[in-house]
Structure formats: C-alpha cells, structure tokens
Amino acid sequence: MKTFLDRLNPLYGHLHSKEVIYMVTAMDESRAQLDHAIDALQGFVDCFDDMHVRARIYGDGAEKKGEIQNTPAFMAAYKAGKEL
C-alpha cells in the first residue's frame, strides 16, 4: 500500500473527478477477505470528494495461471474497461 501511494503522489493533482473500479483477485473464495484489500484502498479514495466508485470486481477462486478467464470476473473487468 505504501508503494502504491508513493507512486500516486506525483499524480495527486490529476486524480480529481475520476471513476474507480476495484478489481481484486485471489485464490481465496471469501469475498469478505477480499473486501479488506478494497477497504484499504477506499481510505485513499475517500480523500477526494469527487471520486466515484463504479464497480467492485472479485476474481476469487482463481489459483492457476489463466483460471481467471473462466470466471464471471473476467468478463466483468472487460465490460467495465470498455465503459470507461
């Protein structure tokens, strides 16, 4: 998280009025566990009054390379990207 925030610091002035899509992947099938990662990022997003969270996409239960392509999350991520 610290590295993420450090890398975003130079862009801070350009992050207003943006839409956010959370995409998290994990082998764990518990969305509650994945929500912890999103909650950490939400603290950063909350610093901006005009940021809007558009979607949360959970790529859960993918263990091996390429498995995510066989989940609903794969198409959800594709569609969310096209709509931006």
C-alpha atoms as a PDB file:
ATOM      1  CA  MET A   1       0.000   0.000   0.000  1.00  0.00           C
ATOM      2  CA  LYS A   2       2.813   2.399   0.841  1.00  0.00           C
ATOM      3  CA  THR A   3       4.450   1.827  -2.541  1.00  0.00           C
ATOM      4  CA  PHE A   4       1.092   2.342  -4.272  1.00  0.00           C
ATOM      5  CA  LEU A   5       0.533   5.655  -2.514  1.00  0.00           C
ATOM      6  CA  ASP A   6       4.126   6.785  -3.101  1.00  0.00           C
ATOM      7  CA  ARG A   7       3.765   6.118  -6.831  1.00  0.00           C
ATOM      8  CA  LEU A   8       0.481   8.049  -6.967  1.00  0.00           C
ATOM      9  CA  ASN A   9       1.795  11.081  -5.116  1.00  0.00           C
ATOM     10  CA  PRO A  10       3.079  12.886  -8.258  1.00  0.00           C
ATOM     11  CA  LEU A  11      -0.366  12.391  -9.839  1.00  0.00           C
ATOM     12  CA  TYR A  12      -2.340  13.652  -6.834  1.00  0.00           C
ATOM     13  CA  GLY A  13      -3.457  16.861  -8.569  1.00  0.00           C
ATOM     14  CA  HIS A  14      -4.813  14.900 -11.541  1.00  0.00           C
ATOM     15  CA  LEU A  15      -6.917  12.410  -9.607  1.00  0.00           C
ATOM     16  CA  HIS A  16      -9.990  14.555  -9.071  1.00  0.00           C
ATOM     17  CA  SER A  17     -13.275  13.684 -10.794  1.00  0.00           C
ATOM     18  CA  LYS A  18     -12.228  10.125 -11.562  1.00  0.00           C
ATOM     19  CA  GLU A  19     -14.181   6.907 -11.527  1.00  0.00           C
ATOM     20  CA  VAL A  20     -12.734   3.976  -9.630  1.00  0.00           C
ATOM     21  CA  ILE A  21     -13.065   0.295 -10.407  1.00  0.00           C
ATOM     22  CA  TYR A  22     -11.764  -2.096  -7.787  1.00  0.00           C
ATOM     23  CA  MET A  23     -10.519  -5.366  -9.250  1.00  0.00           C
ATOM     24  CA  VAL A  24      -9.128  -7.848  -6.767  1.00  0.00           C
ATOM     25  CA  THR A  25      -8.036 -11.409  -7.393  1.00  0.00           C
ATOM     26  CA  ALA A  26      -7.158 -14.177  -5.001  1.00  0.00           C
ATOM     27  CA  MET A  27      -7.237 -17.900  -4.611  1.00  0.00           C
ATOM     28  CA  ASP A  28      -9.394 -17.397  -1.518  1.00  0.00           C
ATOM     29  CA  GLU A  29     -13.106 -17.672  -2.282  1.00  0.00           C
ATOM     30  CA  SER A  30     -14.109 -15.480   0.664  1.00  0.00           C
ATOM     31  CA  ARG A  31     -15.223 -12.092  -0.592  1.00  0.00           C
ATOM     32  CA  ALA A  32     -15.083 -10.816   2.955  1.00  0.00           C
ATOM     33  CA  GLN A  33     -11.322 -11.363   2.868  1.00  0.00           C
ATOM     34  CA  LEU A  34     -11.027  -9.543  -0.460  1.00  0.00           C
ATOM     35  CA  ASP A  35     -13.039  -6.648   0.939  1.00  0.00           C
ATOM     36  CA  HIS A  36     -10.160  -5.954   3.335  1.00  0.00           C
ATOM     37  CA  ALA A  37      -7.951  -5.045   0.364  1.00  0.00           C
ATOM     38  CA  ILE A  38     -10.656  -2.794  -1.050  1.00  0.00           C
ATOM     39  CA  ASP A  39     -11.255  -1.155   2.327  1.00  0.00           C
ATOM     40  CA  ALA A  40      -7.581  -0.207   2.489  1.00  0.00           C
ATOM     41  CA  LEU A  41      -7.803   1.496  -0.905  1.00  0.00           C
ATOM     42  CA  GLN A  42     -11.115   3.130  -0.035  1.00  0.00           C
ATOM     43  CA  GLY A  43      -9.345   5.201   2.604  1.00  0.00           C
ATOM     44  CA  PHE A  44      -7.299   6.791  -0.173  1.00  0.00           C
ATOM     45  CA  VAL A  45     -10.316   7.309  -2.445  1.00  0.00           C
ATOM     46  CA  ASP A  46     -12.186   8.965   0.414  1.00  0.00           C
ATOM     47  CA  CYS A  47      -9.610  11.774   0.345  1.00  0.00           C
ATOM     48  CA  PHE A  48     -11.307  13.017  -2.834  1.00  0.00           C
ATOM     49  CA  ASP A  49     -14.820  14.445  -2.698  1.00  0.00           C
ATOM     50  CA  ASP A  50     -15.444  13.908  -6.382  1.00  0.00           C
ATOM     51  CA  MET A  51     -14.231  10.335  -6.935  1.00  0.00           C
ATOM     52  CA  HIS A  52     -16.918   7.785  -7.698  1.00  0.00           C
ATOM     53  CA  VAL A  53     -16.597   4.040  -7.177  1.00  0.00           C
ATOM     54  CA  ARG A  54     -18.115   2.494 -10.282  1.00  0.00           C
ATOM     55  CA  ALA A  55     -17.644  -1.209  -9.562  1.00  0.00           C
ATOM     56  CA  ARG A  56     -16.101  -3.894  -7.400  1.00  0.00           C
ATOM     57  CA  ILE A  57     -14.936  -6.907  -9.358  1.00  0.00           C
ATOM     58  CA  TYR A  58     -13.953 -10.021  -7.451  1.00  0.00           C
ATOM     59  CA  GLY A  59     -11.731 -12.559  -9.171  1.00  0.00           C
ATOM     60  CA  ASP A  60     -11.989 -15.079  -6.377  1.00  0.00           C
ATOM     61  CA  GLY A  61     -11.163 -18.757  -6.516  1.00  0.00           C
ATOM     62  CA  ALA A  62      -8.537 -18.498  -9.266  1.00  0.00           C
ATOM     63  CA  GLU A  63      -5.444 -20.467  -8.315  1.00  0.00           C
ATOM     64  CA  LYS A  64      -3.556 -21.220 -11.519  1.00  0.00           C
ATOM     65  CA  LYS A  65      -2.446 -19.094 -14.435  1.00  0.00           C
ATOM     66  CA  GLY A  66      -5.324 -18.450 -16.826  1.00  0.00           C
ATOM     67  CA  GLU A  67      -8.064 -19.711 -14.499  1.00  0.00           C
ATOM     68  CA  ILE A  68      -9.480 -16.219 -14.102  1.00  0.00           C
ATOM     69  CA  GLN A  69     -10.546 -16.311 -17.755  1.00  0.00           C
ATOM     70  CA  ASN A  70     -13.168 -18.902 -16.845  1.00  0.00           C
ATOM     71  CA  THR A  71     -14.849 -16.753 -14.211  1.00  0.00           C
ATOM     72  CA  PRO A  72     -17.533 -14.063 -14.393  1.00  0.00           C
ATOM     73  CA  ALA A  73     -14.930 -11.571 -13.135  1.00  0.00           C
ATOM     74  CA  PHE A  74     -13.034 -11.758 -16.415  1.00  0.00           C
ATOM     75  CA  MET A  75     -15.976 -10.522 -18.498  1.00  0.00           C
ATOM     76  CA  ALA A  76     -16.973  -8.018 -15.808  1.00  0.00           C
ATOM     77  CA  ALA A  77     -13.488  -6.478 -15.965  1.00  0.00           C
ATOM     78  CA  TYR A  78     -13.614  -6.354 -19.756  1.00  0.00           C
ATOM     79  CA  LYS A  79     -17.017  -4.648 -19.773  1.00  0.00           C
ATOM     80  CA  ALA A  80     -16.014  -2.174 -17.044  1.00  0.00           C
ATOM     81  CA  GLY A  81     -12.923  -1.188 -19.023  1.00  0.00           C
ATOM     82  CA  LYS A  82     -14.913  -0.620 -22.204  1.00  0.00           C
ATOM     83  CA  GLU A  83     -17.388   1.602 -20.352  1.00  0.00           C
ATOM     84  CA  LEU A  84     -14.728   3.969 -19.004  1.00  0.00           C
END
